[in-house]
C-alpha atoms as a PDB file:
ATOM      1  CA  MET A   1       0.063  -0.178  -0.089  1.00  0.00           C
ATOM      2  CA  ARG A   2       1.270   3.510  -0.903  1.00  0.00           C
ATOM      3  CA  ARG A   3       2.296   5.853   1.835  1.00  0.00           C
ATOM      4  CA  TYR A   4       0.483   8.987   2.265  1.00  0.00           C
ATOM      5  CA  ARG A   5      -0.037  12.124   4.430  1.00  0.00           C
ATOM      6  CA  PHE A   6      -2.455  14.981   4.769  1.00  0.00           C
ATOM      7  CA  THR A   7      -1.935  18.688   4.448  1.00  0.00           C
ATOM      8  CA  SER A   8      -3.214  20.908   7.160  1.00  0.00           C
ATOM      9  CA  ARG A   9      -5.973  22.424   4.947  1.00  0.00           C
ATOM     10  CA  PHE A  10      -7.157  18.725   4.164  1.00  0.00           C
ATOM     11  CA  GLU A  11      -7.463  17.892   7.797  1.00  0.00           C
ATOM     12  CA  LYS A  12      -9.299  20.978   8.563  1.00  0.00           C
ATOM     13  CA  SER A  13     -11.549  20.307   5.712  1.00  0.00           C
ATOM     14  CA  LEU A  14     -11.837  16.708   6.520  1.00  0.00           C
ATOM     15  CA  ALA A  15     -13.068  17.504  10.115  1.00  0.00           C
ATOM     16  CA  GLY A  16     -15.505  19.954   8.755  1.00  0.00           C
ATOM     17  CA  LEU A  17     -17.625  17.259   6.569  1.00  0.00           C
ATOM     18  CA  PRO A  18     -20.640  15.730   7.663  1.00  0.00           C
ATOM     19  CA  ASP A  19     -19.945  12.685   9.689  1.00  0.00           C
ATOM     20  CA  GLU A  20     -21.412  10.340   6.684  1.00  0.00           C
ATOM     21  CA  ALA A  21     -18.822  11.963   4.158  1.00  0.00           C
ATOM     22  CA  ALA A  22     -15.776  11.770   6.809  1.00  0.00           C
ATOM     23  CA  ALA A  23     -16.651   7.949   7.361  1.00  0.00           C
ATOM     24  CA  LEU A  24     -16.902   7.476   3.713  1.00  0.00           C
ATOM     25  CA  PHE A  25     -13.339   8.788   3.000  1.00  0.00           C
ATOM     26  CA  GLU A  26     -11.891   6.632   5.934  1.00  0.00           C
ATOM     27  CA  LYS A  27     -13.760   3.633   4.333  1.00  0.00           C
ATOM     28  CA  LYS A  28     -12.505   4.351   0.883  1.00  0.00           C
ATOM     29  CA  LEU A  29      -8.887   5.108   1.508  1.00  0.00           C
ATOM     30  CA  SER A  30      -7.330   1.748   1.535  1.00  0.00           C
ATOM     31  CA  LEU A  31      -9.043   1.365  -1.970  1.00  0.00           C
ATOM     32  CA  PHE A  32      -7.884   4.641  -3.285  1.00  0.00           C
ATOM     33  CA  LEU A  33      -4.157   3.943  -1.972  1.00  0.00           C
ATOM     34  CA  GLU A  34      -4.189   0.488  -3.618  1.00  0.00           C
ATOM     35  CA  ASP A  35      -5.459   1.746  -7.069  1.00  0.00           C
ATOM     36  CA  THR A  36      -5.799   5.482  -7.529  1.00  0.00           C
ATOM     37  CA  ALA A  37      -7.391   5.116 -10.923  1.00  0.00           C
ATOM     38  CA  HIS A  38     -10.191   2.728  -9.572  1.00  0.00           C
ATOM     39  CA  PRO A  39     -13.381   3.884 -12.001  1.00  0.00           C
ATOM     40  CA  SER A  40     -15.287   4.453  -8.637  1.00  0.00           C
ATOM     41  CA  PHE A  41     -12.983   7.540  -8.023  1.00  0.00           C
ATOM     42  CA  ARG A  42     -13.173   9.230 -11.536  1.00  0.00           C
ATOM     43  CA  THR A  43      -9.797  10.435 -11.027  1.00  0.00           C
ATOM     44  CA  LYS A  44      -8.331  12.769 -13.516  1.00  0.00           C
ATOM     45  CA  LYS A  45      -5.501  15.724 -13.603  1.00  0.00           C
ATOM     46  CA  ILE A  46      -6.946  19.250 -12.931  1.00  0.00           C
ATOM     47  CA  GLN A  47      -6.135  20.923 -16.183  1.00  0.00           C
ATOM     48  CA  GLY A  48      -3.953  24.061 -16.399  1.00  0.00           C
ATOM     49  CA  VAL A  49      -1.978  23.208 -12.917  1.00  0.00           C
ATOM     50  CA  ARG A  50       1.571  22.053 -13.027  1.00  0.00           C
ATOM     51  CA  ASN A  51       4.546  21.728 -10.964  1.00  0.00           C
ATOM     52  CA  PRO A  52       3.193  20.062  -8.915  1.00  0.00           C
ATOM     53  CA  GLU A  53       0.570  18.104 -10.894  1.00  0.00           C
ATOM     54  CA  ILE A  54      -2.618  18.098  -8.869  1.00  0.00           C
ATOM     55  CA  TRP A  55      -5.161  15.735  -9.316  1.00  0.00           C
ATOM     56  CA  GLU A  56      -9.150  15.354  -8.455  1.00  0.00           C
ATOM     57  CA  ALA A  57     -10.875  12.356  -7.395  1.00  0.00           C
ATOM     58  CA  SER A  58     -14.621  11.831  -6.501  1.00  0.00           C
ATOM     59  CA  LEU A  59     -15.534  10.419  -3.140  1.00  0.00           C
ATOM     60  CA  THR A  60     -19.335  10.933  -4.089  1.00  0.00           C
ATOM     61  CA  MET A  61     -21.232  12.960  -6.746  1.00  0.00           C
ATOM     62  CA  ASP A  62     -21.153  15.772  -4.436  1.00  0.00           C
ATOM     63  CA  TYR A  63     -17.671  15.415  -2.699  1.00  0.00           C
ATOM     64  CA  ARG A  64     -14.280  15.475  -4.279  1.00  0.00           C
ATOM     65  CA  PHE A  65     -10.605  15.531  -2.910  1.00  0.00           C
ATOM     66  CA  THR A  66      -7.374  16.801  -4.378  1.00  0.00           C
ATOM     67  CA  PHE A  67      -3.876  15.261  -3.946  1.00  0.00           C
ATOM     68  CA  GLN A  68      -0.559  15.233  -5.577  1.00  0.00           C
ATOM     69  CA  MET A  69       1.850  12.516  -6.110  1.00  0.00           C
ATOM     70  CA  GLU A  70       5.423  13.287  -5.019  1.00  0.00           C
ATOM     71  CA  LYS A  71       8.348  11.868  -6.527  1.00  0.00           C
ATOM     72  CA  ASP A  72       8.739   9.378  -3.621  1.00  0.00           C
ATOM     73  CA  GLY A  73       5.560   7.964  -4.506  1.00  0.00           C
ATOM     74  CA  VAL A  74       3.813   9.540  -1.362  1.00  0.00           C
ATOM     75  CA  ILE A  75       0.217  10.623  -1.941  1.00  0.00           C
ATOM     76  CA  VAL A  76      -0.313  14.134  -0.526  1.00  0.00           C
ATOM     77  CA  PHE A  77      -4.080  14.724  -0.053  1.00  0.00           C
ATOM     78  CA  ARG A  78      -4.489  18.627  -0.364  1.00  0.00           C
ATOM     79  CA  ASN A  79      -8.469  19.481  -0.012  1.00  0.00           C
ATOM     80  CA  ILE A  80     -11.686  17.979   0.411  1.00  0.00           C
ATOM     81  CA  GLY A  81     -15.144  18.913   0.147  1.00  0.00           C
ATOM     82  CA  LYS A  82     -18.023  19.511  -2.218  1.00  0.00           C
ATOM     83  CA  HIS A  83     -17.504  19.993  -5.769  1.00  0.00           C
ATOM     84  CA  SER A  84     -17.108  23.681  -5.211  1.00  0.00           C
ATOM     85  CA  ILE A  85     -13.428  23.274  -4.080  1.00  0.00           C
ATOM     86  CA  LEU A  86     -12.263  23.006  -7.559  1.00  0.00           C
ATOM     87  CA  GLU A  87     -14.371  26.328  -8.737  1.00  0.00           C
ATOM     88  CA  LYS A  88     -12.473  28.102  -6.135  1.00  0.00           C
ATOM     89  CA  LYS A  89      -8.948  27.054  -7.092  1.00  0.00           C
ATOM     90  CA  LYS A  90      -8.297  25.965  -3.491  1.00  0.00           C
ATOM     91  CA  TYR A  91      -6.684  22.815  -4.502  1.00  0.00           C
END
């Protein structure tokens, strides 16, 4: 399983989610770490963002999270919330 870490923004956003959404993230985390391209996450690069490349994945149809992959393979979770986290450019 891949190594990972959370940014402080991610931890704060995760703590602010409704209990059901936070519990779902915890439940699906191991699946995501095993296969970031699993179809249920609909993972894709965020267009126009480079260095680092930032990716988005769906937790549900309403909730997304953003992350980046470091050169050593560590996944850094950057933000989580409703789809609007992407519109505000708060990756």
